[in-house]
mmCIF file of all heavy atoms, coordinates in Angstrom:
data_MODEL
# 
_entry.id   MODEL 
# 
loop_
_atom_site.group_PDB 
_atom_site.id 
_atom_site.type_symbol 
_atom_site.label_atom_id 
_atom_site.label_alt_id 
_atom_site.label_comp_id 
_atom_site.label_asym_id 
_atom_site.label_entity_id 
_atom_site.label_seq_id 
_atom_site.pdbx_PDB_ins_code 
_atom_site.Cartn_x 
_atom_site.Cartn_y 
_atom_site.Cartn_z 
_atom_site.occupancy 
_atom_site.B_iso_or_equiv 
_atom_site.pdbx_formal_charge 
_atom_site.auth_seq_id 
_atom_site.auth_comp_id 
_atom_site.auth_asym_id 
_atom_site.auth_atom_id 
_atom_site.pdbx_PDB_model_num 
ATOM 1   N N   . SER A 1 1  ? 0.842  -1.199 0.000   1.00 0.00 ? 1  SER A N   1 
ATOM 2   C CA  . SER A 1 1  ? 0.000  0.000  0.000   1.00 0.00 ? 1  SER A CA  1 
ATOM 3   C C   . SER A 1 1  ? 0.866  1.233  0.000   1.00 0.00 ? 1  SER A C   1 
ATOM 4   O O   . SER A 1 1  ? 1.759  1.359  0.839   1.00 0.00 ? 1  SER A O   1 
ATOM 5   C CB  . SER A 1 1  ? -0.903 0.009  1.235   1.00 0.00 ? 1  SER A CB  1 
ATOM 6   O OG  . SER A 1 1  ? -1.600 1.225  1.324   1.00 0.00 ? 1  SER A OG  1 
ATOM 7   N N   . PRO A 1 2  ? 0.664  2.171  -0.939  1.00 0.00 ? 2  PRO A N   1 
ATOM 8   C CA  . PRO A 1 2  ? 1.420  3.410  -0.885  1.00 0.00 ? 2  PRO A CA  1 
ATOM 9   C C   . PRO A 1 2  ? 1.047  4.189  0.361   1.00 0.00 ? 2  PRO A C   1 
ATOM 10  O O   . PRO A 1 2  ? -0.010 3.987  0.948   1.00 0.00 ? 2  PRO A O   1 
ATOM 11  C CB  . PRO A 1 2  ? 0.979  4.153  -2.154  1.00 0.00 ? 2  PRO A CB  1 
ATOM 12  C CG  . PRO A 1 2  ? -0.313 3.541  -2.536  1.00 0.00 ? 2  PRO A CG  1 
ATOM 13  C CD  . PRO A 1 2  ? -0.290 2.126  -2.036  1.00 0.00 ? 2  PRO A CD  1 
ATOM 14  N N   . ALA A 1 3  ? 1.948  5.068  0.773   1.00 0.00 ? 3  ALA A N   1 
ATOM 15  C CA  . ALA A 1 3  ? 1.665  5.879  1.939   1.00 0.00 ? 3  ALA A CA  1 
ATOM 16  C C   . ALA A 1 3  ? 0.357  6.630  1.727   1.00 0.00 ? 3  ALA A C   1 
ATOM 17  O O   . ALA A 1 3  ? 0.068  7.110  0.633   1.00 0.00 ? 3  ALA A O   1 
ATOM 18  C CB  . ALA A 1 3  ? 2.811  6.864  2.184   1.00 0.00 ? 3  ALA A CB  1 
ATOM 19  N N   . ARG A 1 4  ? -0.437 6.719  2.806   1.00 0.00 ? 4  ARG A N   1 
ATOM 20  C CA  . ARG A 1 4  ? -1.705 7.430  2.689   1.00 0.00 ? 4  ARG A CA  1 
ATOM 21  C C   . ARG A 1 4  ? -1.446 8.849  2.201   1.00 0.00 ? 4  ARG A C   1 
ATOM 22  O O   . ARG A 1 4  ? -0.587 9.549  2.694   1.00 0.00 ? 4  ARG A O   1 
ATOM 23  C CB  . ARG A 1 4  ? -2.395 7.464  4.052   1.00 0.00 ? 4  ARG A CB  1 
ATOM 24  C CG  . ARG A 1 4  ? -3.751 8.117  4.027   1.00 0.00 ? 4  ARG A CG  1 
ATOM 25  C CD  . ARG A 1 4  ? -4.779 7.345  3.200   1.00 0.00 ? 4  ARG A CD  1 
ATOM 26  N NE  . ARG A 1 4  ? -5.049 6.061  3.788   1.00 0.00 ? 4  ARG A NE  1 
ATOM 27  C CZ  . ARG A 1 4  ? -5.389 5.012  3.078   1.00 0.00 ? 4  ARG A CZ  1 
ATOM 28  N NH1 . ARG A 1 4  ? -5.462 5.088  1.769   1.00 0.00 ? 4  ARG A NH1 1 
ATOM 29  N NH2 . ARG A 1 4  ? -5.630 3.861  3.655   1.00 0.00 ? 4  ARG A NH2 1 
ATOM 30  N N   . ARG A 1 5  ? -2.139 9.260  1.190   1.00 0.00 ? 5  ARG A N   1 
ATOM 31  C CA  . ARG A 1 5  ? -1.833 10.515 0.531   1.00 0.00 ? 5  ARG A CA  1 
ATOM 32  C C   . ARG A 1 5  ? -3.000 11.472 0.596   1.00 0.00 ? 5  ARG A C   1 
ATOM 33  O O   . ARG A 1 5  ? -4.148 11.080 0.678   1.00 0.00 ? 5  ARG A O   1 
ATOM 34  C CB  . ARG A 1 5  ? -1.501 10.270 -0.935  1.00 0.00 ? 5  ARG A CB  1 
ATOM 35  C CG  . ARG A 1 5  ? -2.602 9.480  -1.656  1.00 0.00 ? 5  ARG A CG  1 
ATOM 36  C CD  . ARG A 1 5  ? -2.528 9.612  -3.143  1.00 0.00 ? 5  ARG A CD  1 
ATOM 37  N NE  . ARG A 1 5  ? -3.472 8.743  -3.794  1.00 0.00 ? 5  ARG A NE  1 
ATOM 38  C CZ  . ARG A 1 5  ? -4.777 8.981  -3.870  1.00 0.00 ? 5  ARG A CZ  1 
ATOM 39  N NH1 . ARG A 1 5  ? -5.271 10.045 -3.317  1.00 0.00 ? 5  ARG A NH1 1 
ATOM 40  N NH2 . ARG A 1 5  ? -5.586 8.132  -4.476  1.00 0.00 ? 5  ARG A NH2 1 
ATOM 41  N N   . GLU A 1 6  ? -2.669 12.714 0.571   1.00 0.00 ? 6  GLU A N   1 
ATOM 42  C CA  . GLU A 1 6  ? -3.669 13.741 0.334   1.00 0.00 ? 6  GLU A CA  1 
ATOM 43  C C   . GLU A 1 6  ? -3.842 13.870 -1.172  1.00 0.00 ? 6  GLU A C   1 
ATOM 44  O O   . GLU A 1 6  ? -2.909 13.602 -1.939  1.00 0.00 ? 6  GLU A O   1 
ATOM 45  C CB  . GLU A 1 6  ? -3.216 15.086 0.912   1.00 0.00 ? 6  GLU A CB  1 
ATOM 46  C CG  . GLU A 1 6  ? -3.043 15.077 2.425   1.00 0.00 ? 6  GLU A CG  1 
ATOM 47  C CD  . GLU A 1 6  ? -4.349 14.893 3.161   1.00 0.00 ? 6  GLU A CD  1 
ATOM 48  O OE1 . GLU A 1 6  ? -5.391 15.323 2.619   1.00 0.00 ? 6  GLU A OE1 1 
ATOM 49  O OE2 . GLU A 1 6  ? -4.333 14.320 4.259   1.00 0.00 ? 6  GLU A OE2 1 
ATOM 50  N N   . ALA A 1 7  ? -5.015 14.271 -1.633  1.00 0.00 ? 7  ALA A N   1 
ATOM 51  C CA  . ALA A 1 7  ? -5.224 14.469 -3.068  1.00 0.00 ? 7  ALA A CA  1 
ATOM 52  C C   . ALA A 1 7  ? -4.255 15.534 -3.566  1.00 0.00 ? 7  ALA A C   1 
ATOM 53  O O   . ALA A 1 7  ? -4.061 16.553 -2.905  1.00 0.00 ? 7  ALA A O   1 
ATOM 54  C CB  . ALA A 1 7  ? -6.656 14.898 -3.340  1.00 0.00 ? 7  ALA A CB  1 
ATOM 55  N N   . PRO A 1 8  ? -3.585 15.305 -4.697  1.00 0.00 ? 8  PRO A N   1 
ATOM 56  C CA  . PRO A 1 8  ? -2.646 16.297 -5.215  1.00 0.00 ? 8  PRO A CA  1 
ATOM 57  C C   . PRO A 1 8  ? -3.320 17.650 -5.400  1.00 0.00 ? 8  PRO A C   1 
ATOM 58  O O   . PRO A 1 8  ? -4.480 17.736 -5.777  1.00 0.00 ? 8  PRO A O   1 
ATOM 59  C CB  . PRO A 1 8  ? -2.228 15.696 -6.564  1.00 0.00 ? 8  PRO A CB  1 
ATOM 60  C CG  . PRO A 1 8  ? -2.501 14.236 -6.441  1.00 0.00 ? 8  PRO A CG  1 
ATOM 61  C CD  . PRO A 1 8  ? -3.692 14.126 -5.549  1.00 0.00 ? 8  PRO A CD  1 
ATOM 62  N N   . ALA A 1 9  ? -2.564 18.688 -5.093  1.00 0.00 ? 9  ALA A N   1 
ATOM 63  C CA  . ALA A 1 9  ? -3.109 20.040 -5.252  1.00 0.00 ? 9  ALA A CA  1 
ATOM 64  C C   . ALA A 1 9  ? -3.018 20.431 -6.713  1.00 0.00 ? 9  ALA A C   1 
ATOM 65  O O   . ALA A 1 9  ? -2.016 20.971 -7.165  1.00 0.00 ? 9  ALA A O   1 
ATOM 66  C CB  . ALA A 1 9  ? -2.332 21.022 -4.380  1.00 0.00 ? 9  ALA A CB  1 
ATOM 67  N N   . CYS A 1 10 ? -4.046 20.108 -7.465  1.00 0.00 ? 10 CYS A N   1 
ATOM 68  C CA  . CYS A 1 10 ? -4.062 20.389 -8.898  1.00 0.00 ? 10 CYS A CA  1 
ATOM 69  C C   . CYS A 1 10 ? -4.709 21.744 -9.129  1.00 0.00 ? 10 CYS A C   1 
ATOM 70  O O   . CYS A 1 10 ? -5.911 21.909 -8.913  1.00 0.00 ? 10 CYS A O   1 
ATOM 71  C CB  . CYS A 1 10 ? -4.842 19.312 -9.653  1.00 0.00 ? 10 CYS A CB  1 
ATOM 72  S SG  . CYS A 1 10 ? -4.109 17.681 -9.517  1.00 0.00 ? 10 CYS A SG  1 
ATOM 73  N N   . ILE A 1 11 ? -3.931 22.699 -9.532  1.00 0.00 ? 11 ILE A N   1 
ATOM 74  C CA  . ILE A 1 11 ? -4.429 24.036 -9.794  1.00 0.00 ? 11 ILE A CA  1 
ATOM 75  C C   . ILE A 1 11 ? -4.505 24.234 -11.298 1.00 0.00 ? 11 ILE A C   1 
ATOM 76  O O   . ILE A 1 11 ? -3.534 23.990 -12.016 1.00 0.00 ? 11 ILE A O   1 
ATOM 77  C CB  . ILE A 1 11 ? -3.510 25.100 -9.163  1.00 0.00 ? 11 ILE A CB  1 
ATOM 78  C CG1 . ILE A 1 11 ? -3.431 24.869 -7.640  1.00 0.00 ? 11 ILE A CG1 1 
ATOM 79  C CG2 . ILE A 1 11 ? -4.010 26.493 -9.479  1.00 0.00 ? 11 ILE A CG2 1 
ATOM 80  C CD1 . ILE A 1 11 ? -2.459 25.777 -6.946  1.00 0.00 ? 11 ILE A CD1 1 
ATOM 81  N N   . MET A 1 12 ? -5.669 24.658 -11.782 1.00 0.00 ? 12 MET A N   1 
ATOM 82  C CA  . MET A 1 12 ? -5.849 24.824 -13.216 1.00 0.00 ? 12 MET A CA  1 
ATOM 83  C C   . MET A 1 12 ? -4.900 25.883 -13.767 1.00 0.00 ? 12 MET A C   1 
ATOM 84  O O   . MET A 1 12 ? -4.908 27.028 -13.324 1.00 0.00 ? 12 MET A O   1 
ATOM 85  C CB  . MET A 1 12 ? -7.299 25.224 -13.528 1.00 0.00 ? 12 MET A CB  1 
ATOM 86  C CG  . MET A 1 12 ? -7.547 25.540 -14.994 1.00 0.00 ? 12 MET A CG  1 
ATOM 87  S SD  . MET A 1 12 ? -7.269 24.115 -16.062 1.00 0.00 ? 12 MET A SD  1 
ATOM 88  C CE  . MET A 1 12 ? -8.802 23.228 -15.807 1.00 0.00 ? 12 MET A CE  1 
ATOM 89  N N   . ALA A 1 13 ? -4.068 25.458 -14.705 1.00 0.00 ? 13 ALA A N   1 
ATOM 90  C CA  . ALA A 1 13 ? -3.178 26.399 -15.385 1.00 0.00 ? 13 ALA A CA  1 
ATOM 91  C C   . ALA A 1 13 ? -3.995 27.197 -16.391 1.00 0.00 ? 13 ALA A C   1 
ATOM 92  O O   . ALA A 1 13 ? -5.097 26.800 -16.770 1.00 0.00 ? 13 ALA A O   1 
ATOM 93  C CB  . ALA A 1 13 ? -2.062 25.632 -16.094 1.00 0.00 ? 13 ALA A CB  1 
ATOM 94  N N   . PRO A 1 14 ? -3.475 28.352 -16.818 1.00 0.00 ? 14 PRO A N   1 
ATOM 95  C CA  . PRO A 1 14 ? -4.177 29.091 -17.872 1.00 0.00 ? 14 PRO A CA  1 
ATOM 96  C C   . PRO A 1 14 ? -4.439 28.193 -19.072 1.00 0.00 ? 14 PRO A C   1 
ATOM 97  O O   . PRO A 1 14 ? -3.546 27.467 -19.522 1.00 0.00 ? 14 PRO A O   1 
ATOM 98  C CB  . PRO A 1 14 ? -3.196 30.215 -18.216 1.00 0.00 ? 14 PRO A CB  1 
ATOM 99  C CG  . PRO A 1 14 ? -2.361 30.377 -16.991 1.00 0.00 ? 14 PRO A CG  1 
ATOM 100 C CD  . PRO A 1 14 ? -2.239 28.999 -16.395 1.00 0.00 ? 14 PRO A CD  1 
ATOM 101 N N   . VAL A 1 15 ? -5.664 28.199 -19.577 1.00 0.00 ? 15 VAL A N   1 
ATOM 102 C CA  . VAL A 1 15 ? -6.032 27.298 -20.664 1.00 0.00 ? 15 VAL A CA  1 
ATOM 103 C C   . VAL A 1 15 ? -5.351 27.741 -21.954 1.00 0.00 ? 15 VAL A C   1 
ATOM 104 O O   . VAL A 1 15 ? -5.610 28.828 -22.460 1.00 0.00 ? 15 VAL A O   1 
ATOM 105 C CB  . VAL A 1 15 ? -7.557 27.248 -20.848 1.00 0.00 ? 15 VAL A CB  1 
ATOM 106 C CG1 . VAL A 1 15 ? -7.917 26.375 -22.038 1.00 0.00 ? 15 VAL A CG1 1 
ATOM 107 C CG2 . VAL A 1 15 ? -8.224 26.728 -19.588 1.00 0.00 ? 15 VAL A CG2 1 
ATOM 108 N N   . GLU A 1 16 ? -4.464 26.900 -22.453 1.00 0.00 ? 16 GLU A N   1 
ATOM 109 C CA  . GLU A 1 16 ? -3.756 27.186 -23.692 1.00 0.00 ? 16 GLU A CA  1 
ATOM 110 C C   . GLU A 1 16 ? -4.161 26.214 -24.785 1.00 0.00 ? 16 GLU A C   1 
ATOM 111 O O   . GLU A 1 16 ? -3.782 26.383 -25.933 1.00 0.00 ? 16 GLU A O   1 
ATOM 112 C CB  . GLU A 1 16 ? -2.243 27.088 -23.456 1.00 0.00 ? 16 GLU A CB  1 
ATOM 113 C CG  . GLU A 1 16 ? -1.733 28.015 -22.357 1.00 0.00 ? 16 GLU A CG  1 
ATOM 114 C CD  . GLU A 1 16 ? -0.278 27.749 -22.025 1.00 0.00 ? 16 GLU A CD  1 
ATOM 115 O OE1 . GLU A 1 16 ? 0.372  27.018 -22.795 1.00 0.00 ? 16 GLU A OE1 1 
ATOM 116 O OE2 . GLU A 1 16 ? 0.198  28.257 -21.011 1.00 0.00 ? 16 GLU A OE2 1 
ATOM 117 N N   . MET A 1 17 ? -4.899 25.185 -24.408 1.00 0.00 ? 17 MET A N   1 
ATOM 118 C CA  . MET A 1 17 ? -5.243 24.116 -25.326 1.00 0.00 ? 17 MET A CA  1 
ATOM 119 C C   . MET A 1 17 ? -6.735 23.812 -25.225 1.00 0.00 ? 17 MET A C   1 
ATOM 120 O O   . MET A 1 17 ? -7.362 24.071 -24.200 1.00 0.00 ? 17 MET A O   1 
ATOM 121 C CB  . MET A 1 17 ? -4.467 22.836 -24.970 1.00 0.00 ? 17 MET A CB  1 
ATOM 122 C CG  . MET A 1 17 ? -2.971 22.997 -24.909 1.00 0.00 ? 17 MET A CG  1 
ATOM 123 S SD  . MET A 1 17 ? -2.260 23.157 -26.563 1.00 0.00 ? 17 MET A SD  1 
ATOM 124 C CE  . MET A 1 17 ? -0.556 23.569 -26.125 1.00 0.00 ? 17 MET A CE  1 
ATOM 125 N N   . ASP A 1 18 ? -7.292 23.240 -26.291 1.00 0.00 ? 18 ASP A N   1 
ATOM 126 C CA  . ASP A 1 18 ? -8.657 22.736 -26.221 1.00 0.00 ? 18 ASP A CA  1 
ATOM 127 C C   . ASP A 1 18 ? -8.702 21.427 -25.452 1.00 0.00 ? 18 ASP A C   1 
ATOM 128 O O   . ASP A 1 18 ? -9.635 21.169 -24.688 1.00 0.00 ? 18 ASP A O   1 
ATOM 129 C CB  . ASP A 1 18 ? -9.218 22.514 -27.623 1.00 0.00 ? 18 ASP A CB  1 
ATOM 130 C CG  . ASP A 1 18 ? -9.394 23.816 -28.395 1.00 0.00 ? 18 ASP A CG  1 
ATOM 131 O OD1 . ASP A 1 18 ? -9.690 24.849 -27.761 1.00 0.00 ? 18 ASP A OD1 1 
ATOM 132 O OD2 . ASP A 1 18 ? -9.212 23.796 -29.628 1.00 0.00 ? 18 ASP A OD2 1 
ATOM 133 N N   . ILE A 1 19 ? -7.690 20.581 -25.679 1.00 0.00 ? 19 ILE A N   1 
ATOM 134 C CA  . ILE A 1 19 ? -7.710 19.236 -25.108 1.00 0.00 ? 19 ILE A CA  1 
ATOM 135 C C   . ILE A 1 19 ? -6.282 18.777 -24.814 1.00 0.00 ? 19 ILE A C   1 
ATOM 136 O O   . ILE A 1 19 ? -5.358 19.074 -25.579 1.00 0.00 ? 19 ILE A O   1 
ATOM 137 C CB  . ILE A 1 19 ? -8.440 18.269 -26.070 1.00 0.00 ? 19 ILE A CB  1 
ATOM 138 C CG1 . ILE A 1 19 ? -8.697 16.916 -25.415 1.00 0.00 ? 19 ILE A CG1 1 
ATOM 139 C CG2 . ILE A 1 19 ? -7.690 18.103 -27.379 1.00 0.00 ? 19 ILE A CG2 1 
ATOM 140 C CD1 . ILE A 1 19 ? -9.704 16.062 -26.197 1.00 0.00 ? 19 ILE A CD1 1 
ATOM 141 N N   . SER A 1 20 ? -6.116 18.073 -23.697 1.00 0.00 ? 20 SER A N   1 
ATOM 142 C CA  . SER A 1 20 ? -4.815 17.517 -23.308 1.00 0.00 ? 20 SER A CA  1 
ATOM 143 C C   . SER A 1 20 ? -4.883 16.003 -23.457 1.00 0.00 ? 20 SER A C   1 
ATOM 144 O O   . SER A 1 20 ? -5.748 15.353 -22.851 1.00 0.00 ? 20 SER A O   1 
ATOM 145 C CB  . SER A 1 20 ? -4.475 17.877 -21.865 1.00 0.00 ? 20 SER A CB  1 
ATOM 146 O OG  . SER A 1 20 ? -4.335 19.269 -21.687 1.00 0.00 ? 20 SER A OG  1 
ATOM 147 N N   . VAL A 1 21 ? -3.978 15.436 -24.265 1.00 0.00 ? 21 VAL A N   1 
ATOM 148 C CA  . VAL A 1 21 ? -3.900 13.984 -24.455 1.00 0.00 ? 21 VAL A CA  1 
ATOM 149 C C   . VAL A 1 21 ? -2.860 13.439 -23.486 1.00 0.00 ? 21 VAL A C   1 
ATOM 150 O O   . VAL A 1 21 ? -1.724 13.924 -23.446 1.00 0.00 ? 21 VAL A O   1 
ATOM 151 C CB  . VAL A 1 21 ? -3.514 13.633 -25.902 1.00 0.00 ? 21 VAL A CB  1 
ATOM 152 C CG1 . VAL A 1 21 ? -3.430 12.125 -26.084 1.00 0.00 ? 21 VAL A CG1 1 
ATOM 153 C CG2 . VAL A 1 21 ? -4.509 14.244 -26.880 1.00 0.00 ? 21 VAL A CG2 1 
ATOM 154 N N   . ILE A 1 22 ? -3.246 12.434 -22.712 1.00 0.00 ? 22 ILE A N   1 
ATOM 155 C CA  . ILE A 1 22 ? -2.368 11.876 -21.685 1.00 0.00 ? 22 ILE A CA  1 
ATOM 156 C C   . ILE A 1 22 ? -2.165 10.389 -21.945 1.00 0.00 ? 22 ILE A C   1 
ATOM 157 O O   . ILE A 1 22 ? -3.133 9.639  -22.114 1.00 0.00 ? 22 ILE A O   1 
ATOM 158 C CB  . ILE A 1 22 ? -2.960 12.080 -20.280 1.00 0.00 ? 22 ILE A CB  1 
ATOM 159 C CG1 . ILE A 1 22 ? -3.180 13.572 -20.010 1.00 0.00 ? 22 ILE A CG1 1 
ATOM 160 C CG2 . ILE A 1 22 ? -2.057 11.470 -19.209 1.00 0.00 ? 22 ILE A CG2 1 
ATOM 161 C CD1 . ILE A 1 22 ? -3.994 13.852 -18.755 1.00 0.00 ? 22 ILE A CD1 1 
ATOM 162 N N   . THR A 1 23 ? -0.906 9.974  -21.974 1.00 0.00 ? 23 THR A N   1 
ATOM 163 C CA  . THR A 1 23 ? -0.555 8.568  -22.135 1.00 0.00 ? 23 THR A CA  1 
ATOM 164 C C   . THR A 1 23 ? 0.425  8.184  -21.039 1.00 0.00 ? 23 THR A C   1 
ATOM 165 O O   . THR A 1 23 ? 1.378  8.920  -20.766 1.00 0.00 ? 23 THR A O   1 
ATOM 166 C CB  . THR A 1 23 ? 0.086  8.299  -23.509 1.00 0.00 ? 23 THR A CB  1 
ATOM 167 O OG1 . THR A 1 23 ? -0.862 8.581  -24.540 1.00 0.00 ? 23 THR A OG1 1 
ATOM 168 C CG2 . THR A 1 23 ? 0.531  6.855  -23.630 1.00 0.00 ? 23 THR A CG2 1 
ATOM 169 N N   . VAL A 1 24 ? 0.187  7.043  -20.427 1.00 0.00 ? 24 VAL A N   1 
ATOM 170 C CA  . VAL A 1 24 ? 1.107  6.500  -19.422 1.00 0.00 ? 24 VAL A CA  1 
ATOM 171 C C   . VAL A 1 24 ? 1.828  5.324  -20.049 1.00 0.00 ? 24 VAL A C   1 
ATOM 172 O O   . VAL A 1 24 ? 1.221  4.496  -20.741 1.00 0.00 ? 24 VAL A O   1 
ATOM 173 C CB  . VAL A 1 24 ? 0.330  6.051  -18.164 1.00 0.00 ? 24 VAL A CB  1 
ATOM 174 C CG1 . VAL A 1 24 ? 1.267  5.376  -17.166 1.00 0.00 ? 24 VAL A CG1 1 
ATOM 175 C CG2 . VAL A 1 24 ? -0.365 7.248  -17.519 1.00 0.00 ? 24 VAL A CG2 1 
# 
């Protein structure tokens, strides 16, 4: 089990794109 985590502080960056494609 990973260490108990707080949800990442995701702050919306200025929108420069219509869509972000994410691949892992």
